[in-house]
């Protein structure tokens, strides 16, 4: 009992220190649950494949992630040539996402036919999927049931097309 009374006044400080450590270290970030997974995860992008595809560490695993609602021109498809504006879209995604921590918000349908996770990506308040369309680096690609931001993407695509931004001012239709 003598030991407890000696540290009793410090117990609150110790609890506060442990709580702060847990919040700062955030061990739950990127956790992937076997029962269908979380709605979102903050994760590290380990590799950017091209403009709309990346690899991220989620729950200790490296997962392929396809950005929902957008389609950038191809750069890495072995069956197709590099498409107009594909390298620019890919460079943009590499600079923006490569090695960064991002928040992925998963779609209603979590995986595509290739087994990739389907997600919207955010860096802080910056909505990456929308930024690709706004800059004319991607076309919209709406595949139900993952259509939450379809109207936004269509408005951004229309504005980019009218302004001749990105692929809209460079590539043949």
Protein backbone atom coordinates (compact mmCIF):
# COMPACT_ATOMS: atom_id res chain seq x y z
CA UNK A 1 0.00 0.00 0.00
CA UNK A 2 2.85 2.29 0.67
CA UNK A 3 3.93 2.14 -2.99
CA UNK A 4 0.42 2.96 -4.26
CA UNK A 5 0.08 5.97 -2.01
CA UNK A 6 3.43 7.18 -3.27
CA UNK A 7 2.24 7.17 -6.95
CA UNK A 8 -1.45 7.95 -6.44
CA UNK A 9 -1.01 11.64 -7.26
CA UNK A 10 0.74 10.75 -10.52
CA UNK A 11 -1.89 8.29 -11.74
CA UNK A 12 -3.86 10.98 -13.56
CA UNK A 13 -0.71 12.13 -15.36
CA UNK A 14 0.14 8.59 -16.38
CA UNK A 15 -3.38 7.98 -17.75
CA UNK A 16 -3.21 11.25 -19.67
CA UNK A 17 0.21 10.33 -21.09
CA UNK A 18 -1.02 6.92 -22.25
CA UNK A 19 -4.16 8.42 -23.82
CA UNK A 20 -2.12 11.07 -25.65
CA UNK A 21 0.29 8.41 -26.92
CA UNK A 22 -2.55 6.33 -28.30
CA UNK A 23 -4.08 9.32 -30.08
CA UNK A 24 -0.78 10.52 -31.50
CA UNK A 25 0.41 7.08 -32.63
CA UNK A 26 -3.06 6.15 -33.95
CA UNK A 27 -2.51 2.38 -34.09
CA UNK A 28 -5.95 1.87 -35.65
CA UNK A 29 -5.17 3.84 -38.81
CA UNK A 30 -5.14 1.65 -41.86
CA UNK A 31 -6.65 -1.24 -39.92
CA UNK A 32 -8.60 -3.64 -42.07
CA UNK A 33 -11.35 -5.69 -40.50
CA UNK A 34 -12.22 -9.17 -41.73
CA UNK A 35 -15.98 -8.49 -41.44
CA UNK A 36 -16.13 -6.28 -44.54
CA UNK A 37 -13.74 -3.59 -43.40
CA UNK A 38 -14.10 -0.03 -42.22
CA UNK A 39 -15.78 2.77 -44.11
CA UNK A 40 -12.42 4.50 -44.38
CA UNK A 41 -8.76 4.16 -43.49
CA UNK A 42 -5.85 6.53 -43.18
CA UNK A 43 -3.02 4.78 -44.91
CA UNK A 44 0.36 5.19 -46.55
CA UNK A 45 0.55 5.16 -50.35
CA UNK A 46 3.45 2.81 -51.08
CA UNK A 47 3.31 3.11 -54.89
CA UNK A 48 1.40 5.04 -57.53
CA UNK A 49 0.74 2.75 -60.50
CA UNK A 50 -0.79 5.37 -62.81
CA UNK A 51 -3.20 8.29 -62.65
CA UNK A 52 -6.10 6.40 -61.08
CA UNK A 53 -4.49 3.37 -59.43
CA UNK A 54 -2.22 3.09 -56.41
CA UNK A 55 -0.93 0.67 -53.83
CA UNK A 56 -1.45 1.35 -50.12
CA UNK A 57 -0.56 -0.36 -46.87
CA UNK A 58 -3.83 -1.31 -45.18
CA UNK A 59 -3.84 -3.50 -42.09
CA UNK A 60 -0.28 -4.65 -42.72
CA UNK A 61 -1.05 -5.70 -46.30
CA UNK A 62 -0.24 -3.92 -49.56
CA UNK A 63 -3.53 -3.47 -51.42
CA UNK A 64 -4.20 -2.28 -54.98
CA UNK A 65 -6.62 0.66 -54.88
CA UNK A 66 -8.61 2.03 -57.84
CA UNK A 67 -9.96 5.56 -57.49
CA UNK A 68 -13.75 5.65 -57.84
CA UNK A 69 -15.54 7.75 -60.45
CA UNK A 70 -12.52 8.71 -62.53
CA UNK A 71 -10.64 7.25 -65.47
CA UNK A 72 -7.22 8.59 -66.42
CA UNK A 73 -5.63 7.74 -69.77
CA UNK A 74 -3.67 4.48 -69.72
CA UNK A 75 0.09 4.37 -69.25
CA UNK A 76 0.85 0.86 -67.96
CA UNK A 77 -1.59 -1.48 -69.75
CA UNK A 78 0.58 -4.00 -71.61
CA UNK A 79 -2.22 -4.63 -74.14
CA UNK A 80 -2.69 -0.94 -75.05
CA UNK A 81 -0.37 1.86 -76.10
CA UNK A 82 0.21 4.82 -73.81
CA UNK A 83 -2.80 7.10 -74.28
CA UNK A 84 -2.84 10.85 -74.90
CA UNK A 85 -2.27 12.77 -71.64
CA UNK A 86 -1.69 9.53 -69.71
CA UNK A 87 1.90 10.38 -68.70
CA UNK A 88 0.82 13.83 -67.41
CA UNK A 89 -2.01 12.35 -65.34
CA UNK A 90 0.34 9.69 -63.99
CA UNK A 91 3.01 12.28 -63.05
CA UNK A 92 0.41 14.38 -61.26
CA UNK A 93 -0.76 11.40 -59.19
CA UNK A 94 2.83 10.39 -58.43
CA UNK A 95 3.65 13.88 -57.15
CA UNK A 96 0.42 14.25 -55.20
CA UNK A 97 0.10 10.76 -53.69
CA UNK A 98 3.47 9.02 -53.74
CA UNK A 99 4.70 8.21 -50.24
CA UNK A 100 1.94 10.28 -48.61
CA UNK A 101 -0.59 9.43 -45.97
CA UNK A 102 -4.08 9.59 -47.42
CA UNK A 103 -7.59 8.93 -46.20
CA UNK A 104 -9.35 6.37 -48.35
CA UNK A 105 -13.15 6.25 -48.21
CA UNK A 106 -14.29 2.93 -49.60
CA UNK A 107 -17.16 2.48 -52.00
CA UNK A 108 -20.42 0.65 -51.45
CA UNK A 109 -18.93 -2.04 -53.67
CA UNK A 110 -15.48 -2.49 -52.14
CA UNK A 111 -13.67 -4.35 -54.93
CA UNK A 112 -13.70 -4.38 -58.70
CA UNK A 113 -13.49 -7.43 -60.95
CA UNK A 114 -9.68 -7.31 -60.70
CA UNK A 115 -9.76 -7.50 -56.89
CA UNK A 116 -8.69 -3.88 -56.36
CA UNK A 117 -10.19 -1.88 -53.50
CA UNK A 118 -12.42 0.94 -54.74
CA UNK A 119 -12.03 4.24 -52.91
CA UNK A 120 -12.20 8.01 -52.87
CA UNK A 121 -8.87 9.51 -51.77
CA UNK A 122 -8.31 12.61 -49.63
CA UNK A 123 -5.15 14.42 -48.57
CA UNK A 124 -6.35 16.67 -45.79
CA UNK A 125 -9.43 18.37 -47.28
CA UNK A 126 -8.20 17.90 -50.86
CA UNK A 127 -10.43 15.45 -52.75
CA UNK A 128 -7.98 13.70 -55.09
CA UNK A 129 -10.58 12.08 -57.39
CA UNK A 130 -12.27 15.43 -57.99
CA UNK A 131 -8.93 17.20 -58.48
CA UNK A 132 -8.03 14.82 -61.32
CA UNK A 133 -11.29 15.62 -63.14
CA UNK A 134 -11.11 19.36 -62.40
CA UNK A 135 -7.64 19.60 -63.92
CA UNK A 136 -8.67 17.68 -67.03
CA UNK A 137 -6.47 14.71 -66.13
CA UNK A 138 -9.36 12.23 -65.97
CA UNK A 139 -12.76 11.56 -67.46
CA UNK A 140 -15.68 10.56 -65.28
CA UNK A 141 -16.42 6.87 -64.96
CA UNK A 142 -19.65 6.07 -63.15
CA UNK A 143 -20.20 2.43 -62.22
CA UNK A 144 -23.13 1.69 -59.87
CA UNK A 145 -23.40 1.32 -56.96
CA UNK A 146 -20.32 3.57 -56.43
CA UNK A 147 -21.90 6.79 -57.68
CA UNK A 148 -21.89 9.00 -54.58
CA UNK A 149 -19.99 11.89 -56.25
CA UNK A 150 -21.16 11.37 -59.85
CA UNK A 151 -22.90 14.75 -60.13
CA UNK A 152 -19.82 16.59 -58.82
CA UNK A 153 -17.51 14.75 -61.21
CA UNK A 154 -19.82 15.45 -64.17
CA UNK A 155 -19.90 19.20 -63.33
CA UNK A 156 -16.11 19.29 -63.02
CA UNK A 157 -15.66 17.40 -66.30
CA UNK A 158 -18.02 19.75 -68.13
CA UNK A 159 -16.14 22.80 -66.79
CA UNK A 160 -12.74 21.31 -67.71
CA UNK A 161 -14.00 20.48 -71.22
CA UNK A 162 -15.40 23.96 -71.78
CA UNK A 163 -12.13 25.51 -70.57
CA UNK A 164 -10.02 23.13 -72.68
CA UNK A 165 -8.05 22.01 -69.60
CA UNK A 166 -5.79 19.01 -69.69
CA UNK A 167 -6.76 16.24 -72.04
CA UNK A 168 -9.79 18.22 -73.25
CA UNK A 169 -7.57 20.77 -74.95
CA UNK A 170 -4.93 18.33 -76.21
CA UNK A 171 -6.33 14.92 -77.07
CA UNK A 172 -8.57 13.95 -79.98
CA UNK A 173 -12.09 12.99 -78.94
